[in-house]
Amino acid sequence: MNLPSNLFNNYTPPQVFLCQPNKTIIGELQVYDFTADFKFNTYSEVSFTISKTYIDIIDGKQRQNPYYYLVDSLRVIYIRGIGHFVIQDVKENLSESNTKSVTAF
């Protein structure tokens, strides 16, 4: 499975949505450091990092991530065009920047 790319074959991050365990979409996450390991005969794995704050691309202002506190184990991640993943591990880094590292299968 190939991750999305643009006209120049540069990697473009996929749309990542946070969902309830019943797969109802809560909202879109602004993620970075996205990596994926897709497998045919076992569980695929995705990992990414989300930040407590982000820069709005429309007005350039710093905003609070409304879904930061909702990202927790056993919630579901939906990646558009790829599928659903269950969050297994969330590590919160409170030192210099408030971020969460997420691993889902």
N, C-alpha and C. Protein backbone atom coordinates (compact mmCIF):
# COMPACT_ATOMS: atom_id res chain seq x y z
N MET A 1 0.84 -1.17 0.00
CA MET A 1 0.00 0.00 0.00
C MET A 1 0.89 1.24 0.00
N ASN A 2 0.56 2.18 -0.84
CA ASN A 2 1.35 3.39 -0.94
C ASN A 2 0.68 4.53 -0.20
N LEU A 3 1.49 5.33 0.47
CA LEU A 3 0.97 6.53 1.10
C LEU A 3 0.76 7.59 0.04
N PRO A 4 -0.13 8.55 0.27
CA PRO A 4 -0.43 9.56 -0.75
C PRO A 4 0.79 10.40 -1.12
N SER A 5 0.83 10.78 -2.39
CA SER A 5 1.90 11.66 -2.87
C SER A 5 1.28 12.69 -3.80
N ASN A 6 2.02 13.76 -4.06
CA ASN A 6 1.50 14.80 -4.94
C ASN A 6 2.04 14.61 -6.34
N LEU A 7 1.84 15.59 -7.20
CA LEU A 7 2.23 15.53 -8.60
C LEU A 7 3.73 15.28 -8.78
N PHE A 8 4.55 15.74 -7.84
CA PHE A 8 6.00 15.60 -7.94
C PHE A 8 6.53 14.39 -7.17
N ASN A 9 5.64 13.46 -6.82
CA ASN A 9 5.96 12.25 -6.06
C ASN A 9 6.53 12.55 -4.69
N ASN A 10 6.18 13.69 -4.11
CA ASN A 10 6.55 14.01 -2.73
C ASN A 10 5.46 13.48 -1.81
N TYR A 11 5.88 12.97 -0.70
CA TYR A 11 4.95 12.42 0.29
C TYR A 11 4.05 13.51 0.84
N THR A 12 2.76 13.27 0.89
CA THR A 12 1.82 14.19 1.52
C THR A 12 1.16 13.45 2.68
N PRO A 13 1.13 14.04 3.86
CA PRO A 13 0.55 13.35 5.00
C PRO A 13 -0.93 13.07 4.79
N PRO A 14 -1.39 11.89 5.13
CA PRO A 14 -2.81 11.57 4.97
C PRO A 14 -3.66 12.27 6.02
N GLN A 15 -4.95 12.34 5.77
CA GLN A 15 -5.87 12.89 6.74
C GLN A 15 -6.10 11.86 7.84
N VAL A 16 -5.93 12.29 9.10
CA VAL A 16 -6.07 11.40 10.24
C VAL A 16 -7.21 11.91 11.11
N PHE A 17 -8.17 11.02 11.41
CA PHE A 17 -9.33 11.39 12.20
C PHE A 17 -9.37 10.58 13.49
N LEU A 18 -9.75 11.23 14.58
CA LEU A 18 -9.96 10.56 15.85
C LEU A 18 -11.41 10.11 15.90
N CYS A 19 -11.63 8.85 16.32
CA CYS A 19 -12.98 8.28 16.34
C CYS A 19 -13.29 7.67 17.71
N GLN A 20 -14.57 7.54 17.99
CA GLN A 20 -15.02 6.77 19.15
C GLN A 20 -14.75 5.29 18.87
N PRO A 21 -14.81 4.43 19.89
CA PRO A 21 -14.61 2.99 19.63
C PRO A 21 -15.61 2.39 18.64
N ASN A 22 -16.80 3.02 18.48
CA ASN A 22 -17.76 2.52 17.49
C ASN A 22 -17.54 3.12 16.11
N LYS A 23 -16.41 3.80 15.90
CA LYS A 23 -15.96 4.38 14.63
C LYS A 23 -16.70 5.66 14.23
N THR A 24 -17.38 6.31 15.18
CA THR A 24 -17.98 7.61 14.92
C THR A 24 -16.88 8.66 14.97
N ILE A 25 -16.75 9.46 13.93
CA ILE A 25 -15.66 10.44 13.84
C ILE A 25 -15.89 11.58 14.82
N ILE A 26 -14.85 11.88 15.62
CA ILE A 26 -14.88 13.01 16.55
C ILE A 26 -14.35 14.25 15.86
N GLY A 27 -13.21 14.14 15.19
CA GLY A 27 -12.63 15.28 14.49
C GLY A 27 -11.29 14.93 13.87
N GLU A 28 -10.79 15.84 13.04
CA GLU A 28 -9.52 15.62 12.35
C GLU A 28 -8.36 16.07 13.23
N LEU A 29 -7.30 15.26 13.26
CA LEU A 29 -6.10 15.57 14.03
C LEU A 29 -5.04 16.18 13.12
N GLN A 30 -4.31 17.15 13.67
CA GLN A 30 -3.16 17.73 12.98
C GLN A 30 -1.94 16.96 13.46
N VAL A 31 -1.42 16.04 12.64
CA VAL A 31 -0.34 15.15 13.07
C VAL A 31 0.95 15.49 12.34
N TYR A 32 2.06 15.08 12.93
CA TYR A 32 3.36 15.16 12.27
C TYR A 32 4.18 13.95 12.70
N ASP A 33 5.32 13.74 12.08
CA ASP A 33 6.15 12.53 12.28
C ASP A 33 5.34 11.26 12.03
N PHE A 34 4.53 11.26 10.99
CA PHE A 34 3.68 10.12 10.66
C PHE A 34 4.52 9.02 10.02
N THR A 35 4.46 7.81 10.55
CA THR A 35 5.11 6.65 9.95
C THR A 35 4.11 5.50 9.92
N ALA A 36 4.26 4.64 8.94
CA ALA A 36 3.36 3.51 8.80
C ALA A 36 4.13 2.28 8.36
N ASP A 37 3.72 1.13 8.89
CA ASP A 37 4.30 -0.15 8.51
C ASP A 37 3.14 -1.08 8.17
N PHE A 38 2.84 -1.22 6.88
CA PHE A 38 1.70 -2.01 6.43
C PHE A 38 2.13 -3.45 6.17
N LYS A 39 1.32 -4.39 6.67
CA LYS A 39 1.63 -5.81 6.55
C LYS A 39 0.40 -6.56 6.04
N PHE A 40 0.63 -7.67 5.37
CA PHE A 40 -0.48 -8.46 4.83
C PHE A 40 -0.94 -9.55 5.79
N ASN A 41 -0.02 -10.16 6.54
CA ASN A 41 -0.36 -11.33 7.32
C ASN A 41 -0.43 -11.07 8.82
N THR A 42 -0.28 -9.84 9.26
CA THR A 42 -0.39 -9.49 10.68
C THR A 42 -0.89 -8.05 10.76
N TYR A 43 -0.96 -7.52 11.95
CA TYR A 43 -1.49 -6.17 12.14
C TYR A 43 -0.53 -5.12 11.58
N SER A 44 -1.09 -4.15 10.87
CA SER A 44 -0.31 -3.01 10.41
C SER A 44 -0.15 -2.04 11.57
N GLU A 45 0.90 -1.22 11.52
CA GLU A 45 1.18 -0.28 12.61
C GLU A 45 1.38 1.12 12.05
N VAL A 46 0.78 2.10 12.72
CA VAL A 46 1.01 3.51 12.39
C VAL A 46 1.42 4.22 13.67
N SER A 47 2.26 5.23 13.52
CA SER A 47 2.63 6.05 14.67
C SER A 47 2.77 7.49 14.20
N PHE A 48 2.46 8.39 15.11
CA PHE A 48 2.52 9.81 14.81
C PHE A 48 2.59 10.59 16.10
N THR A 49 2.78 11.89 15.99
CA THR A 49 2.85 12.78 17.13
C THR A 49 1.83 13.89 16.93
N ILE A 50 1.15 14.26 18.02
CA ILE A 50 0.26 15.41 17.97
C ILE A 50 0.71 16.40 19.04
N SER A 51 0.43 17.64 18.80
CA SER A 51 0.83 18.71 19.71
C SER A 51 -0.40 19.30 20.39
N LYS A 52 -0.20 19.84 21.58
CA LYS A 52 -1.29 20.47 22.32
C LYS A 52 -1.75 21.75 21.63
N THR A 53 -0.83 22.45 20.97
CA THR A 53 -1.17 23.65 20.23
C THR A 53 -0.69 23.48 18.79
N TYR A 54 -1.29 24.24 17.89
CA TYR A 54 -0.89 24.22 16.49
C TYR A 54 -1.07 25.60 15.89
N ILE A 55 -0.44 25.83 14.76
CA ILE A 55 -0.55 27.10 14.05
C ILE A 55 -1.63 26.94 12.97
N ASP A 56 -2.65 27.76 13.04
CA ASP A 56 -3.73 27.72 12.06
C ASP A 56 -3.19 28.20 10.71
N ILE A 57 -3.39 27.43 9.66
CA ILE A 57 -2.83 27.77 8.35
C ILE A 57 -3.59 28.91 7.68
N ILE A 58 -4.79 29.22 8.15
CA ILE A 58 -5.57 30.28 7.52
C ILE A 58 -5.19 31.65 8.06
N ASP A 59 -5.17 31.80 9.39
CA ASP A 59 -4.87 33.12 9.94
C ASP A 59 -3.50 33.21 10.62
N GLY A 60 -2.78 32.10 10.73
CA GLY A 60 -1.43 32.11 11.29
C GLY A 60 -1.37 32.23 12.80
N LYS A 61 -2.50 32.11 13.48
CA LYS A 61 -2.51 32.22 14.94
C LYS A 61 -2.35 30.86 15.58
N GLN A 62 -1.78 30.88 16.78
CA GLN A 62 -1.61 29.64 17.54
C GLN A 62 -2.92 29.29 18.23
N ARG A 63 -3.34 28.04 18.07
CA ARG A 63 -4.62 27.58 18.63
C ARG A 63 -4.41 26.32 19.45
N GLN A 64 -5.32 26.09 20.39
CA GLN A 64 -5.33 24.86 21.19
C GLN A 64 -5.93 23.73 20.35
N ASN A 65 -5.33 22.55 20.43
CA ASN A 65 -5.86 21.39 19.75
C ASN A 65 -7.06 20.89 20.56
N PRO A 66 -8.28 20.94 20.00
CA PRO A 66 -9.46 20.57 20.79
C PRO A 66 -9.55 19.08 21.11
N TYR A 67 -8.80 18.25 20.41
CA TYR A 67 -8.90 16.80 20.61
C TYR A 67 -7.69 16.23 21.36
N TYR A 68 -6.80 17.09 21.81
CA TYR A 68 -5.57 16.63 22.46
C TYR A 68 -5.86 15.72 23.66
N TYR A 69 -6.79 16.13 24.51
CA TYR A 69 -7.08 15.35 25.72
C TYR A 69 -7.94 14.12 25.43
N LEU A 70 -8.54 14.04 24.26
CA LEU A 70 -9.35 12.88 23.91
C LEU A 70 -8.53 11.73 23.32
N VAL A 71 -7.29 12.02 22.91
CA VAL A 71 -6.44 10.97 22.35
C VAL A 71 -5.96 10.09 23.50
N ASP A 72 -6.46 8.86 23.53
CA ASP A 72 -6.14 7.93 24.61
C ASP A 72 -6.23 6.51 24.08
N SER A 73 -5.72 5.57 24.85
CA SER A 73 -5.74 4.16 24.44
C SER A 73 -7.15 3.67 24.18
N LEU A 74 -7.26 2.76 23.24
CA LEU A 74 -8.48 2.08 22.82
C LEU A 74 -9.45 2.95 22.04
N ARG A 75 -9.10 4.20 21.77
CA ARG A 75 -9.88 4.97 20.80
C ARG A 75 -9.42 4.53 19.41
N VAL A 76 -10.17 4.92 18.41
CA VAL A 76 -9.90 4.47 17.04
C VAL A 76 -9.39 5.65 16.21
N ILE A 77 -8.42 5.37 15.36
CA ILE A 77 -7.89 6.33 14.40
C ILE A 77 -8.34 5.88 13.02
N TYR A 78 -8.89 6.81 12.26
CA TYR A 78 -9.26 6.53 10.87
C TYR A 78 -8.33 7.33 9.96
N ILE A 79 -7.66 6.64 9.06
CA ILE A 79 -6.78 7.28 8.09
C ILE A 79 -7.45 7.15 6.73
N ARG A 80 -7.79 8.32 6.16
CA ARG A 80 -8.56 8.34 4.92
C ARG A 80 -7.83 7.58 3.82
N GLY A 81 -8.54 6.67 3.19
CA GLY A 81 -7.99 5.89 2.10
C GLY A 81 -7.21 4.67 2.55
N ILE A 82 -7.02 4.49 3.86
CA ILE A 82 -6.24 3.36 4.36
C ILE A 82 -7.08 2.47 5.28
N GLY A 83 -7.68 3.04 6.33
CA GLY A 83 -8.52 2.24 7.21
C GLY A 83 -8.50 2.70 8.65
N HIS A 84 -9.03 1.83 9.52
CA HIS A 84 -9.15 2.12 10.94
C HIS A 84 -8.04 1.41 11.72
N PHE A 85 -7.56 2.08 12.78
CA PHE A 85 -6.52 1.55 13.65
C PHE A 85 -6.93 1.83 15.09
N VAL A 86 -6.63 0.89 15.99
CA VAL A 86 -6.93 1.06 17.41
C VAL A 86 -5.68 1.56 18.12
N ILE A 87 -5.82 2.65 18.89
CA ILE A 87 -4.68 3.21 19.62
C ILE A 87 -4.28 2.25 20.73
N GLN A 88 -3.02 1.86 20.76
CA GLN A 88 -2.51 0.95 21.77
C GLN A 88 -1.66 1.65 22.81
N ASP A 89 -0.89 2.65 22.39
CA ASP A 89 0.06 3.27 23.30
C ASP A 89 0.09 4.78 23.06
N VAL A 90 -0.03 5.54 24.15
CA VAL A 90 0.05 7.00 24.09
C VAL A 90 1.07 7.44 25.13
N LYS A 91 2.13 8.11 24.68
CA LYS A 91 3.15 8.63 25.59
C LYS A 91 3.12 10.14 25.54
N GLU A 92 2.90 10.76 26.69
CA GLU A 92 2.81 12.22 26.75
C GLU A 92 4.15 12.79 27.16
N ASN A 93 4.62 13.80 26.41
CA ASN A 93 5.87 14.48 26.68
C ASN A 93 5.54 15.89 27.18
N LEU A 94 5.72 16.13 28.47
CA LEU A 94 5.34 17.41 29.06
C LEU A 94 6.52 18.34 29.26
N SER A 95 7.71 17.93 28.85
CA SER A 95 8.90 18.74 29.15
C SER A 95 8.92 20.05 28.37
N GLU A 96 9.51 20.07 27.20
CA GLU A 96 9.67 21.32 26.47
C GLU A 96 8.46 21.66 25.60
N SER A 97 7.85 20.68 25.01
CA SER A 97 6.64 20.92 24.21
C SER A 97 5.61 19.87 24.59
N ASN A 98 4.40 20.30 24.80
CA ASN A 98 3.34 19.37 25.17
C ASN A 98 2.91 18.59 23.93
N THR A 99 3.38 17.35 23.84
CA THR A 99 3.05 16.50 22.71
C THR A 99 2.67 15.11 23.20
N LYS A 100 2.00 14.36 22.32
CA LYS A 100 1.70 12.97 22.59
C LYS A 100 2.21 12.14 21.39
N SER A 101 2.92 11.07 21.72
CA SER A 101 3.34 10.11 20.70
C SER A 101 2.36 8.95 20.72
N VAL A 102 1.77 8.65 19.57
CA VAL A 102 0.70 7.68 19.49
C VAL A 102 1.13 6.51 18.61
N THR A 103 0.84 5.29 19.08
CA THR A 103 1.05 4.07 18.30
C THR A 103 -0.27 3.35 18.20
N ALA A 104 -0.65 2.96 16.98
CA ALA A 104 -1.92 2.29 16.77
C ALA A 104 -1.71 1.09 15.84
N PHE A 105 -2.51 0.05 16.05
CA PHE A 105 -2.46 -1.18 15.23
C PHE A 105 -3.80 -1.40 14.56
